[in-house]
Amino acid sequence: MKIKPFTAIIILVFVCALVGVGQKPSRRPRTTPPPTPAPTPKSTLSIEAGIIYKSTGNQPVARTKFRLLDTDLADIISGIGLPPDFESKQVLDDPRANLIYNWALAVEYSNDKSVIVKIALTIGQHTVQDATTDFNGKAEFDDVKPGHYFIYAKTETRGGFAIWNLPIEIKPGKNSVALDQDNAAVAF
């Protein structure tokens, strides 16, 4: 079978169009997807809270909400201030603990609740996570990013109240802390 010259040219043009003869091969740079960042290791923090009384021993701090704060409670309170109608008392040597003590009293006795609400809202804004203790005073914070935090809670005691504002460093993996009146910022 003989191909006519005109037909041969058409076939050649068609093949060249398909193959791209006469064109420089396109060299797309190979794109490597960016490496997937390693996931930040998460940690857990187990707490056990109790008030130890001389006569009856350990009383678990049960059904109490504990918060993991990214800021010191005393800094939150000092940034907002106490209600103007509340007269602060100097009862503790540590000025930061004394501020927390006066704030706790202001919550109960001040008529100006707007400042108290503002402090409560600010505490909420600085809460990384919260956990409520069971009847044995135990709770766990799960999937916490390692770092520096403050454990905050307020509970009633037989003689008054206890407030924790405990600085803690959470490391990768499992962490635990026991809370009692000895490591509370204020305990009466």
Protein backbone atom coordinates (compact mmCIF):
# COMPACT_ATOMS: atom_id res chain seq x y z
CA MET A 1 0.00 0.00 0.00
CA LYS A 2 1.34 3.29 -1.06
CA ILE A 3 0.65 6.48 0.96
CA LYS A 4 0.26 9.66 -0.96
CA PRO A 5 2.62 12.48 -0.01
CA PHE A 6 -0.23 14.74 1.09
CA THR A 7 -1.65 12.04 3.38
CA ALA A 8 1.82 11.39 4.79
CA ILE A 9 2.17 15.08 5.69
CA ILE A 10 -1.22 15.12 7.45
CA ILE A 11 -0.31 12.00 9.42
CA LEU A 12 3.07 13.51 10.33
CA VAL A 13 1.45 16.76 11.54
CA PHE A 14 -1.11 14.81 13.53
CA VAL A 15 1.56 12.63 15.19
CA CYS A 16 3.73 15.69 15.92
CA ALA A 17 0.77 17.41 17.53
CA LEU A 18 0.11 14.40 19.73
CA VAL A 19 3.72 13.89 20.74
CA GLY A 20 4.72 17.55 20.88
CA VAL A 21 7.68 17.30 18.54
CA GLY A 22 9.55 20.54 18.27
CA GLN A 23 8.55 21.65 21.74
CA LYS A 24 10.81 21.71 24.69
CA PRO A 25 9.70 19.17 27.17
CA SER A 26 8.07 20.89 30.08
CA ARG A 27 10.14 20.49 33.18
CA ARG A 28 7.92 20.98 36.09
CA PRO A 29 9.86 21.04 39.27
CA ARG A 30 9.03 18.09 41.38
CA THR A 31 7.06 19.32 44.27
CA THR A 32 7.56 17.48 47.46
CA PRO A 33 4.76 17.99 49.91
CA PRO A 34 5.88 19.88 52.99
CA PRO A 35 6.74 17.64 55.88
CA THR A 36 3.90 17.04 58.25
CA PRO A 37 4.79 18.65 61.55
CA ALA A 38 5.14 16.22 64.39
CA PRO A 39 2.11 16.41 66.63
CA THR A 40 2.67 18.24 69.88
CA PRO A 41 2.85 15.62 72.58
CA LYS A 42 -0.06 15.86 74.94
CA SER A 43 0.04 15.31 78.65
CA THR A 44 -2.27 14.40 81.47
CA LEU A 45 -2.41 15.84 84.96
CA SER A 46 -3.96 13.83 87.76
CA ILE A 47 -4.87 15.65 90.94
CA GLU A 48 -5.94 14.44 94.34
CA ALA A 49 -7.25 17.14 96.66
CA GLY A 50 -8.05 16.96 100.34
CA ILE A 51 -8.01 18.96 103.53
CA ILE A 52 -6.22 17.20 106.36
CA TYR A 53 -7.77 17.70 109.79
CA LYS A 54 -5.97 16.72 112.98
CA SER A 55 -9.00 15.04 114.51
CA THR A 56 -10.43 13.15 111.53
CA GLY A 57 -7.63 12.95 108.97
CA ASN A 58 -8.05 13.53 105.26
CA GLN A 59 -11.32 14.96 103.99
CA PRO A 60 -11.43 14.72 100.18
CA VAL A 61 -12.25 17.91 98.31
CA ALA A 62 -15.14 16.32 96.45
CA ARG A 63 -17.29 17.67 93.62
CA THR A 64 -15.15 20.79 93.23
CA LYS A 65 -14.20 22.40 89.94
CA PHE A 66 -10.44 22.80 89.49
CA ARG A 67 -9.12 24.96 86.68
CA LEU A 68 -5.84 24.96 84.84
CA LEU A 69 -5.02 28.65 84.30
CA ASP A 70 -2.44 30.12 81.95
CA THR A 71 -2.01 33.11 84.29
CA ASP A 72 -1.47 33.54 88.00
CA LEU A 73 -4.74 34.25 89.86
CA ALA A 74 -3.10 37.09 91.81
CA ASP A 75 -2.15 38.77 88.50
CA ILE A 76 -5.74 38.51 87.28
CA ILE A 77 -7.09 40.05 90.49
CA SER A 78 -4.46 42.81 90.66
CA GLY A 79 -5.08 43.70 87.01
CA ILE A 80 -8.75 44.37 87.76
CA GLY A 81 -8.64 45.37 91.41
CA LEU A 82 -11.00 44.77 94.29
CA PRO A 83 -14.43 46.40 94.56
CA PRO A 84 -14.16 50.00 95.78
CA ASP A 85 -16.64 49.32 98.60
CA PHE A 86 -14.47 46.55 100.03
CA GLU A 87 -11.90 47.36 102.68
CA SER A 88 -8.85 45.12 102.27
CA LYS A 89 -7.34 43.54 105.34
CA GLN A 90 -3.67 42.72 105.84
CA VAL A 91 -3.85 39.27 107.44
CA LEU A 92 -1.17 37.36 105.55
CA ASP A 93 2.52 38.15 105.15
CA ASP A 94 2.61 37.22 101.46
CA PRO A 95 1.04 40.17 99.55
CA ARG A 96 -0.13 37.92 96.68
CA ALA A 97 -1.80 35.45 99.04
CA ASN A 98 -3.29 38.39 100.94
CA LEU A 99 -4.77 39.73 97.69
CA ILE A 100 -6.35 36.34 96.97
CA TYR A 101 -7.70 36.20 100.53
CA ASN A 102 -9.27 39.66 100.22
CA TRP A 103 -10.74 38.76 96.83
CA ALA A 104 -12.38 35.67 98.36
CA LEU A 105 -13.88 37.83 101.11
CA ALA A 106 -15.04 40.42 98.58
CA VAL A 107 -16.86 37.69 96.65
CA GLU A 108 -18.87 36.98 99.79
CA TYR A 109 -19.30 40.44 101.32
CA SER A 110 -18.99 43.17 98.67
CA ASN A 111 -22.12 44.89 97.41
CA ASP A 112 -20.36 45.80 94.14
CA LYS A 113 -20.68 42.56 92.20
CA SER A 114 -19.60 44.10 88.88
CA VAL A 115 -15.90 43.81 89.77
CA ILE A 116 -16.43 40.26 91.07
CA VAL A 117 -18.15 39.30 87.79
CA LYS A 118 -15.34 40.89 85.77
CA ILE A 119 -12.74 38.85 87.69
CA ALA A 120 -14.81 35.67 87.22
CA LEU A 121 -15.06 36.30 83.47
CA THR A 122 -11.33 36.96 83.25
CA ILE A 123 -10.61 33.73 85.12
CA GLY A 124 -12.78 32.00 82.52
CA GLN A 125 -10.76 33.57 79.69
CA HIS A 126 -7.53 32.27 81.24
CA THR A 127 -8.89 28.77 81.86
CA VAL A 128 -7.10 26.24 79.66
CA GLN A 129 -9.14 23.33 80.97
CA ASP A 130 -11.26 22.43 83.97
CA ALA A 131 -12.02 19.21 85.77
CA THR A 132 -14.37 18.37 88.63
CA THR A 133 -13.19 16.09 91.40
CA ASP A 134 -15.02 12.89 92.18
CA PHE A 135 -16.14 11.90 95.70
CA ASN A 136 -12.56 10.86 96.51
CA GLY A 137 -11.14 14.28 95.56
CA LYS A 138 -9.58 12.98 92.34
CA ALA A 139 -9.74 14.50 88.87
CA GLU A 140 -7.75 14.42 85.65
CA PHE A 141 -6.90 16.99 83.02
CA ASP A 142 -6.50 15.22 79.67
CA ASP A 143 -4.70 16.24 76.48
CA VAL A 144 -2.88 19.20 78.00
CA LYS A 145 -0.08 20.84 76.06
CA PRO A 146 3.14 20.69 78.11
CA GLY A 147 3.99 24.02 79.72
CA HIS A 148 3.63 26.22 82.80
CA TYR A 149 0.20 26.62 84.39
CA PHE A 150 -1.55 27.42 87.68
CA ILE A 151 -4.00 25.07 89.37
CA TYR A 152 -6.89 27.12 90.73
CA ALA A 153 -9.84 26.09 92.87
CA LYS A 154 -11.81 27.37 95.83
CA THR A 155 -13.50 25.12 98.37
CA GLU A 156 -15.14 25.49 101.74
CA THR A 157 -13.45 24.02 104.80
CA ARG A 158 -14.79 23.47 108.30
CA GLY A 159 -13.29 26.76 109.43
CA GLY A 160 -13.63 28.86 106.27
CA PHE A 161 -12.18 28.20 102.83
CA ALA A 162 -9.11 27.10 100.87
CA ILE A 163 -7.97 28.55 97.55
CA TRP A 164 -5.29 26.99 95.39
CA ASN A 165 -3.20 29.03 92.98
CA LEU A 166 -0.42 26.49 92.59
CA PRO A 167 2.17 26.98 89.84
CA ILE A 168 2.92 23.74 88.03
CA GLU A 169 5.02 22.64 85.09
CA ILE A 170 3.32 19.97 83.01
CA LYS A 171 5.81 17.79 81.19
CA PRO A 172 5.07 15.39 78.31
CA GLY A 173 3.37 12.24 79.58
CA LYS A 174 1.66 11.64 82.89
CA ASN A 175 1.87 14.22 85.69
CA SER A 176 0.30 14.20 89.13
CA VAL A 177 0.00 16.46 92.16
CA ALA A 178 -1.53 16.18 95.61
CA LEU A 179 -3.33 19.28 96.83
CA ASP A 180 -4.01 20.10 100.47
CA GLN A 181 -4.02 23.11 102.77
CA ASP A 182 -0.20 23.15 102.82
CA ASN A 183 0.10 24.05 99.13
CA ALA A 184 -3.02 26.23 98.98
CA ALA A 185 -2.48 29.98 98.55
CA VAL A 186 -4.99 30.56 101.35
CA ALA A 187 -6.50 28.07 103.79
CA PHE A 188 -8.62 28.82 106.87
